[in-house]
Protein backbone atom coordinates (compact mmCIF):
# COMPACT_ATOMS: atom_id res chain seq x y z
CA MET A 1 56.95 52.94 -11.24
CA ALA A 2 56.18 49.36 -12.20
CA ARG A 3 52.57 50.29 -12.95
CA ARG A 4 53.70 53.19 -15.16
CA ALA A 5 56.03 50.87 -17.03
CA ASN A 6 53.28 48.24 -17.41
CA CYS A 7 55.50 45.82 -15.54
CA LYS A 8 54.50 43.15 -13.02
CA LEU A 9 56.32 43.30 -9.68
CA ILE A 10 57.46 39.97 -8.15
CA PRO A 11 58.83 40.23 -4.58
CA VAL A 12 61.05 37.27 -3.65
CA ASP A 13 62.33 36.39 -0.16
CA MET A 14 65.79 34.88 -0.66
CA GLY A 15 66.52 34.67 3.07
CA ILE A 16 65.60 37.87 4.91
CA LYS A 17 66.60 37.74 8.58
CA ASP A 18 63.63 36.73 10.81
CA PHE A 19 61.07 37.33 8.02
CA SER A 20 57.75 35.52 8.30
CA PRO A 21 55.84 34.45 5.16
CA GLN A 22 53.74 37.20 3.59
CA PRO A 23 50.98 36.98 0.96
CA GLY A 24 52.31 37.90 -2.48
CA VAL A 25 55.97 37.32 -1.57
CA LEU A 26 57.58 34.26 -3.17
CA ASN A 27 59.41 32.07 -0.64
CA ARG A 28 62.82 31.08 -1.97
CA ARG A 29 64.60 31.23 1.39
CA VAL A 30 68.07 29.71 1.44
CA ALA A 31 68.75 30.45 5.12
CA ASN A 32 67.71 32.91 7.82
CA GLY A 33 70.05 35.70 6.75
CA THR A 34 73.67 35.55 5.67
CA GLY A 35 76.80 35.55 7.83
CA ASP A 36 78.76 38.66 8.83
CA ILE A 37 81.42 38.93 6.08
CA SER A 38 83.73 40.89 8.36
CA LYS A 39 83.97 37.77 10.56
CA GLY A 40 83.65 34.91 8.08
CA PRO A 41 81.93 33.78 4.86
CA ALA A 42 78.47 35.05 3.99
CA MET A 43 77.22 31.57 3.11
CA THR A 44 78.42 28.12 2.17
CA ARG A 45 79.26 27.24 -1.41
CA GLU A 46 76.22 24.95 -1.49
CA GLN A 47 73.95 27.81 -0.36
CA ALA A 48 75.38 30.05 -3.09
CA GLU A 49 74.56 27.37 -5.67
CA GLN A 50 71.04 26.98 -4.24
CA ALA A 51 70.38 30.74 -4.45
CA ILE A 52 71.70 30.95 -8.02
CA LEU A 53 69.50 28.05 -9.09
CA ALA A 54 66.47 29.66 -7.42
CA GLY A 55 67.03 32.84 -9.46
CA ALA A 56 67.43 30.92 -12.70
CA LEU A 57 64.27 28.90 -12.11
CA LEU A 58 62.32 32.12 -11.48
CA VAL A 59 63.23 33.14 -15.03
CA LYS A 60 62.01 29.79 -16.30
CA ASP A 61 58.67 30.36 -14.54
CA CYS A 62 58.38 33.83 -16.08
CA LYS A 63 59.22 32.49 -19.53
CA GLU A 64 56.40 29.96 -19.21
CA GLN A 65 54.07 32.90 -18.46
CA ASP A 66 55.15 34.59 -21.75
CA VAL A 67 57.21 37.31 -20.07
CA SER A 68 59.37 38.98 -22.75
CA LEU A 69 61.60 41.22 -20.60
CA LEU A 70 62.83 40.97 -17.02
CA ALA A 71 64.36 43.57 -14.71
CA THR A 72 66.41 42.87 -11.61
CA GLY A 73 66.18 44.78 -8.36
CA GLU A 74 66.82 44.21 -4.66
CA MET A 75 65.87 45.52 -1.25
CA GLY A 76 68.33 45.29 1.62
CA ILE A 77 70.25 47.18 4.26
CA GLY A 78 74.01 47.29 3.79
CA ASN A 79 74.00 45.44 0.49
CA THR A 80 76.10 48.03 -1.33
CA THR A 81 78.74 46.85 1.16
CA THR A 82 78.58 43.27 -0.08
CA ALA A 83 78.32 44.46 -3.70
CA SER A 84 81.43 46.66 -3.33
CA ALA A 85 83.31 43.79 -1.69
CA VAL A 86 82.44 41.44 -4.55
CA ALA A 87 83.16 44.12 -7.17
CA SER A 88 86.58 44.95 -5.75
CA VAL A 89 87.70 41.32 -6.12
CA LEU A 90 86.04 40.87 -9.51
CA LEU A 91 87.70 44.02 -10.86
CA GLY A 92 90.98 43.68 -8.99
CA CYS A 93 90.52 47.17 -7.52
CA ASP A 94 91.36 48.75 -4.20
CA PRO A 95 88.08 48.37 -2.24
CA GLU A 96 88.52 51.81 -0.69
CA ALA A 97 88.66 53.41 -4.13
CA ILE A 98 85.39 51.93 -5.41
CA THR A 99 83.25 51.97 -2.26
CA GLY A 100 80.68 54.76 -2.01
CA ARG A 101 78.12 56.08 0.45
CA GLY A 102 75.25 53.83 -0.61
CA ALA A 103 71.97 55.47 0.38
CA GLY A 104 73.85 58.35 2.05
CA LEU A 105 76.37 57.40 4.73
CA SER A 106 78.22 60.04 6.76
CA ASP A 107 82.02 60.28 6.51
CA GLU A 108 82.28 58.19 9.68
CA GLY A 109 79.87 55.60 8.34
CA LEU A 110 81.72 55.42 5.02
CA ALA A 111 85.01 54.84 6.85
CA ARG A 112 83.43 51.96 8.82
CA LYS A 113 82.02 50.51 5.60
CA LYS A 114 85.41 50.56 3.86
CA ALA A 115 87.11 49.04 6.90
CA ALA A 116 84.52 46.24 7.03
CA ILE A 117 85.10 45.40 3.35
CA CYS A 118 88.89 45.38 3.71
CA ARG A 119 88.56 43.17 6.80
CA ALA A 120 86.16 40.81 4.99
CA ILE A 121 88.56 40.35 2.09
CA GLN A 122 91.50 39.82 4.43
CA ILE A 123 89.66 37.26 6.59
CA ASN A 124 87.90 35.32 3.82
CA GLN A 125 90.65 35.37 1.17
CA PRO A 126 88.26 34.97 -1.81
CA ASN A 127 89.70 33.35 -4.92
CA PRO A 128 89.56 35.89 -7.81
CA ALA A 129 89.56 33.02 -10.30
CA ASP A 130 86.49 31.37 -8.71
CA PRO A 131 83.30 33.48 -9.00
CA LEU A 132 81.32 31.09 -6.80
CA ASP A 133 83.94 31.36 -4.07
CA MET A 134 83.77 35.18 -4.22
CA LEU A 135 79.99 35.10 -4.00
CA ALA A 136 79.88 32.63 -1.10
CA LYS A 137 82.48 34.50 0.95
CA LEU A 138 81.52 38.13 0.30
CA GLY A 139 78.06 38.29 -1.29
CA GLY A 140 74.45 37.98 -0.21
CA PHE A 141 71.43 35.91 -1.17
CA ASP A 142 70.08 38.90 -3.14
CA ILE A 143 73.25 39.05 -5.28
CA ALA A 144 73.22 35.26 -5.71
CA GLY A 145 69.56 35.24 -6.78
CA MET A 146 70.12 38.00 -9.33
CA CYS A 147 73.22 36.22 -10.61
CA GLY A 148 70.97 33.22 -11.23
CA ALA A 149 68.40 35.45 -12.97
CA PHE A 150 71.04 36.66 -15.44
CA LEU A 151 72.17 33.09 -16.10
CA GLY A 152 68.54 32.03 -16.46
CA GLY A 153 67.93 34.87 -18.91
CA ALA A 154 70.59 33.45 -21.20
CA ALA A 155 69.47 29.83 -20.69
CA PHE A 156 65.79 30.53 -21.34
CA ARG A 157 66.32 33.33 -23.90
CA VAL A 158 64.74 36.19 -21.94
CA PRO A 159 66.59 39.56 -21.90
CA VAL A 160 67.28 40.83 -18.38
CA LEU A 161 67.76 44.50 -17.44
CA MET A 162 70.38 45.32 -14.84
CA ASP A 163 69.56 47.96 -12.26
CA GLY A 164 72.31 49.58 -10.15
CA VAL A 165 75.64 48.62 -8.66
CA ILE A 166 74.36 45.58 -6.72
CA SER A 167 72.63 44.21 -9.81
CA ALA A 168 75.75 44.93 -11.90
CA ALA A 169 77.95 43.00 -9.45
CA ALA A 170 75.57 40.05 -9.81
CA ALA A 171 75.69 40.40 -13.60
CA LEU A 172 79.49 40.33 -13.70
CA LEU A 173 79.50 37.24 -11.48
CA ALA A 174 77.12 35.60 -13.97
CA VAL A 175 79.36 36.49 -16.91
CA ARG A 176 82.44 35.19 -15.08
CA LEU A 177 80.57 31.92 -14.49
CA CYS A 178 79.37 31.75 -18.11
CA SER A 179 80.61 34.32 -20.63
CA ASP A 180 77.62 33.80 -22.94
CA ALA A 181 75.31 35.09 -20.19
CA GLY A 182 76.31 38.61 -21.21
CA LYS A 183 74.30 38.26 -24.42
CA ALA A 184 71.05 38.36 -22.43
CA ILE A 185 72.05 41.29 -20.17
CA LEU A 186 70.96 44.88 -20.85
CA ALA A 187 72.15 47.97 -18.96
CA SER A 188 69.61 50.50 -17.74
CA HIS A 189 71.55 53.23 -15.91
CA VAL A 190 74.95 53.94 -14.39
CA SER A 191 74.85 54.02 -10.60
CA ALA A 192 76.22 56.96 -8.62
CA GLU A 193 78.32 54.44 -6.65
CA PRO A 194 82.01 54.49 -7.73
CA ALA A 195 81.90 50.80 -8.69
CA GLY A 196 78.87 51.28 -10.94
CA ALA A 197 80.66 52.60 -14.03
CA LEU A 198 83.57 50.21 -13.58
CA LEU A 199 81.27 47.20 -13.52
CA LEU A 200 79.46 48.37 -16.66
CA ASN A 201 82.79 48.85 -18.37
CA ALA A 202 83.91 45.34 -17.40
CA LEU A 203 80.65 44.01 -18.84
CA ASP A 204 81.04 46.19 -21.97
CA LYS A 205 77.53 47.53 -21.44
CA HIS A 206 76.38 51.09 -22.15
CA PRO A 207 73.77 52.69 -19.85
CA LEU A 208 70.66 54.34 -21.25
CA ILE A 209 70.36 56.72 -18.28
CA THR A 210 72.93 58.75 -16.34
CA ALA A 211 71.05 60.48 -13.56
CA GLY A 212 73.02 59.95 -10.37
CA LEU A 213 70.58 57.29 -9.16
CA ARG A 214 71.47 55.41 -5.97
CA LEU A 215 68.15 54.00 -4.75
CA GLY A 216 68.34 50.52 -6.25
CA GLU A 217 65.25 48.33 -5.79
CA GLY A 218 64.88 48.04 -9.58
CA THR A 219 63.97 51.70 -10.03
CA GLY A 220 66.63 52.46 -12.66
CA ALA A 221 65.71 49.36 -14.65
CA LEU A 222 62.04 50.37 -14.59
CA ALA A 223 62.92 53.89 -15.74
CA ALA A 224 64.61 52.40 -18.82
CA MET A 225 61.59 50.35 -19.90
CA PRO A 226 59.67 53.24 -21.55
CA LEU A 227 62.86 54.12 -23.47
CA LEU A 228 63.01 50.56 -24.80
CA ASP A 229 59.32 50.75 -25.76
CA MET A 230 59.99 53.97 -27.66
CA ALA A 231 63.06 52.49 -29.35
CA GLN A 232 60.98 49.52 -30.50
CA ALA A 233 58.28 51.86 -31.82
CA VAL A 234 60.85 53.84 -33.81
CA TYR A 235 62.38 50.64 -35.20
CA GLU A 236 59.04 49.15 -36.22
CA GLU A 237 57.13 52.25 -37.35
CA SER A 238 59.64 54.80 -38.69
CA ASN A 239 60.34 55.31 -42.37
CA THR A 240 63.75 54.67 -43.95
CA PHE A 241 66.17 56.81 -45.96
CA GLU A 242 65.40 54.59 -48.94
CA ASN A 243 61.66 55.22 -48.68
CA TYR A 244 62.29 58.96 -48.54
CA GLY A 245 64.56 58.79 -51.57
CA MET A 246 67.53 60.02 -49.52
CA GLU A 247 71.10 58.78 -49.60
CA ALA A 248 71.83 56.74 -46.49
CA TYR A 249 74.40 58.01 -43.99
CA GLN A 250 77.81 56.43 -44.49
CA PRO A 251 79.87 56.10 -41.28
CA GLN A 252 83.45 57.36 -41.42
CA ALA A 253 86.09 54.66 -41.63
CA GLY A 254 89.85 54.42 -41.56
CA ALA A 255 92.62 54.36 -39.01
CA MET A 256 95.07 56.75 -37.41
CA ARG A 257 98.31 56.22 -35.57
CA GLY A 258 98.60 56.55 -31.82
CA MET A 259 101.23 58.45 -29.84
CA GLY A 260 103.94 55.96 -30.66
CA LEU A 261 104.24 54.73 -27.07
CA LEU A 262 102.75 51.37 -28.02
CA PRO A 263 102.50 49.60 -31.38
CA CYS A 264 98.84 50.31 -32.04
CA GLU A 265 96.44 52.21 -34.20
CA THR A 266 92.82 53.32 -33.87
CA GLU A 267 90.18 51.82 -36.11
CA PHE A 268 87.16 54.08 -36.45
CA THR A 269 83.80 52.43 -35.88
CA PRO A 270 80.18 53.37 -36.68
CA SER A 271 79.23 53.30 -33.00
CA LYS A 272 80.83 55.01 -30.04
CA ALA A 273 83.12 53.04 -27.78
CA ARG A 274 83.21 53.86 -24.09
CA THR A 275 85.61 53.27 -21.25
CA CYS A 276 86.01 54.52 -17.73
CA THR A 277 88.45 54.23 -14.89
CA ALA A 278 88.65 55.06 -11.21
CA ALA A 279 91.70 55.65 -9.06
CA LYS A 280 92.52 56.69 -5.53
CA VAL A 281 94.60 59.87 -5.13
CA LEU A 282 97.65 59.02 -3.03
CA THR A 283 99.29 62.39 -2.37
CA GLY A 284 98.57 66.11 -2.33
CA PRO A 285 95.57 68.08 -1.06
CA PHE A 286 93.09 65.52 -2.46
CA ALA A 287 94.82 62.45 -1.01
CA GLY A 288 92.32 59.70 -0.30
CA ALA A 289 89.73 60.96 -2.79
CA THR A 290 88.45 58.73 -5.58
CA MET A 291 88.70 60.14 -9.11
CA GLU A 292 86.62 58.79 -11.99
CA GLY A 293 87.08 59.44 -15.69
CA TYR A 294 85.15 58.56 -18.85
CA GLU A 295 86.11 58.47 -22.45
CA ILE A 296 83.75 58.13 -25.39
CA HIS A 297 85.02 58.17 -28.96
CA MET A 298 84.45 56.72 -32.40
CA GLY A 299 87.23 54.18 -32.41
CA ARG A 300 88.79 51.10 -30.94
CA THR A 301 92.48 50.66 -30.28
CA LYS A 302 93.96 47.68 -32.12
CA ARG A 303 97.44 46.27 -31.86
CA LEU A 304 99.49 46.05 -35.04
CA ALA A 305 100.04 42.58 -36.48
CA GLY A 306 102.74 40.64 -34.71
CA GLN A 307 103.29 43.32 -32.07
CA PRO A 308 102.55 42.84 -28.35
CA LEU A 309 100.20 45.34 -26.76
CA CYS A 310 99.17 44.96 -23.15
CA ARG A 311 98.24 46.79 -20.01
CA LEU A 312 99.39 44.72 -17.05
CA GLU A 313 96.93 44.56 -14.17
CA ASN A 314 97.25 41.97 -11.42
CA GLY A 315 99.50 39.94 -13.68
CA GLN A 316 96.82 39.71 -16.35
CA GLU A 317 97.19 41.04 -19.90
CA GLU A 318 94.35 43.41 -20.66
CA GLY A 319 93.69 46.35 -22.97
CA ALA A 320 93.37 45.76 -26.71
CA LEU A 321 93.85 42.02 -26.17
CA GLN A 322 90.32 41.97 -24.73
CA GLY A 323 88.88 44.68 -26.95
CA ASN A 324 88.84 47.38 -24.28
CA VAL A 325 89.47 50.95 -25.29
CA PHE A 326 92.09 53.25 -23.86
CA GLY A 327 94.04 56.33 -24.92
CA THR A 328 92.81 59.76 -25.91
CA TYR A 329 91.66 60.69 -29.38
CA LEU A 330 91.21 64.09 -30.96
CA HIS A 331 87.99 64.50 -32.92
CA GLY A 332 87.69 66.17 -36.29
CA LEU A 333 85.74 69.26 -35.25
CA PHE A 334 87.87 71.42 -37.51
CA ASP A 335 88.26 69.13 -40.49
CA GLU A 336 86.77 71.94 -42.58
CA GLY A 337 89.85 73.94 -43.62
CA SER A 338 88.07 77.30 -43.96
CA LEU A 339 86.76 77.05 -40.41
CA THR A 340 90.24 76.22 -39.10
CA GLU A 341 91.75 79.21 -40.91
CA ALA A 342 89.00 81.59 -39.80
CA LEU A 343 89.35 80.55 -36.17
CA ALA A 344 93.15 80.82 -36.31
CA SER A 345 92.96 84.31 -37.87
CA TRP A 346 90.58 85.46 -35.13
CA LEU A 347 92.84 84.09 -32.40
CA LEU A 348 95.93 85.70 -33.98
CA ALA A 349 94.17 89.05 -34.14
CA ARG A 350 93.13 88.74 -30.48
CA LYS A 351 96.76 88.09 -29.49
CA GLY A 352 98.24 90.75 -31.77
CA ILE A 353 100.30 88.29 -33.82
CA ALA A 354 101.05 89.11 -37.46
CA GLN A 355 99.04 87.01 -39.89
CA GLU A 356 102.21 86.21 -41.87
CA ALA A 357 103.53 84.22 -38.90
CA PHE A 358 100.70 81.74 -39.27
CA ARG A 359 101.09 78.76 -41.57
CA PRO A 360 97.73 76.98 -42.05
CA GLN A 361 97.85 73.30 -41.14
CA SER A 362 95.43 70.58 -42.02
CA HIS A 363 93.60 68.97 -39.16
CA ARG A 364 95.71 65.81 -39.56
CA GLU A 365 98.97 67.77 -39.58
CA TYR A 366 97.99 69.60 -36.43
CA GLN A 367 96.70 66.41 -34.80
CA GLN A 368 99.89 64.47 -35.49
CA SER A 369 102.10 67.31 -34.30
CA GLN A 370 100.17 67.34 -31.02
CA TYR A 371 100.58 63.61 -30.68
CA ASP A 372 104.32 63.99 -31.22
CA LEU A 373 104.56 66.70 -28.54
CA LEU A 374 102.53 64.66 -26.10
CA ALA A 375 104.45 61.46 -26.83
CA ASP A 376 107.76 63.26 -26.28
CA ALA A 377 106.53 64.62 -22.96
CA VAL A 378 105.29 61.22 -21.80
CA ARG A 379 108.48 59.46 -22.89
CA ALA A 380 110.56 62.00 -20.98
CA SER A 381 108.64 61.22 -17.79
CA LEU A 382 108.71 57.41 -18.11
CA ASP A 383 111.37 54.88 -17.32
CA LEU A 384 110.92 53.20 -20.69
CA ASP A 385 113.52 50.54 -19.91
CA ALA A 386 111.31 49.42 -17.00
CA VAL A 387 108.18 49.52 -19.19
CA TYR A 388 109.77 47.28 -21.82
CA GLN A 389 111.11 45.02 -19.07
CA VAL A 390 107.58 44.49 -17.70
CA MET A 391 106.43 43.65 -21.23
CA GLY A 392 109.32 41.18 -21.58
CA LEU A 393 110.89 43.09 -24.45
CA ALA A 394 114.15 44.87 -25.15
CA ASN A 395 113.91 48.65 -25.55
CA PRO A 396 114.56 49.16 -29.30
CA ASN A 397 115.50 52.81 -28.68
CA GLN A 398 118.06 52.06 -25.97
CA LYS A 399 121.49 53.44 -26.81
CA LYS A 400 124.22 50.84 -27.05
């Protein structure tokens, strides 16, 4: 794959257990393997720093050889375990909800994997506010080296492609250590592992490829390289609307109100915004299963001036305060009035309802009526007094 992508492959030994030097493999060994995280820390804090620095200096070496794009990848056994452990603390998620099968574990193997991660977190007590502590206690030399590569990419101005979930965990560690590191990080694909999409969302990165990949080893990052080459060719060689004498496309703009549950509105944007979430089902026939959901739409939720808007998670204010997107938005498929009326007439005829009973509505009228119905239903199912109490506010609708 590297040959097809016209990409040089650089194998690096960060500390493989009982691995003797091999021609063509760079020796950046920190120690002879990491510790068992289910019994204690993976490495010391000093070893974590050494591995990060080794990764950053590799980028410096590549920069001096005129490399213009880097991709991260790793080879290891059990390293989706360490990546899931790190990701669960970084994201503040239940480790059981975001841990997947890796290269293809059985149900029994997956249960052991989840138990090992939970035990590792319980024993090591990583500090969520200290990325280096998380890495040293739960990570691996591969994750530390890639974390350094992402930091080095920002320091030496070389863009770095993420690969899968292990690479993404390293990238989020890098961004937590230095927020500006994110400017040098590019996403290639979204991993089939449950934590993959969540990590991309936390990084605010959008994958080029969604193909259920779970191999790792840099393969997804390599697969994205030809797409980047093609994108560059289009950018540099394509004609423009102006050259063709055509009027340029004007993105839609404006704002619409939300459901009224929070003081916010949606500002439409030229590019699509994306969010995802994962949760563990607690009851019912699917209890224990992990559910994932995506949302892609042309807008970002913004709080109204002077009004608080937050989603409380682990005591931290998130949501619109950090620019994340949430909520559901109806799209203007039927903005064309004649299409709306034609479709409604056809549906009425199918159901045997007299045409006179139908009053045409504009898309916005229909949309807002649906929001009102949905908001009423949600309000009826919520303890709004408790919601306002969590937000530190008095319920303005509470009856005296």
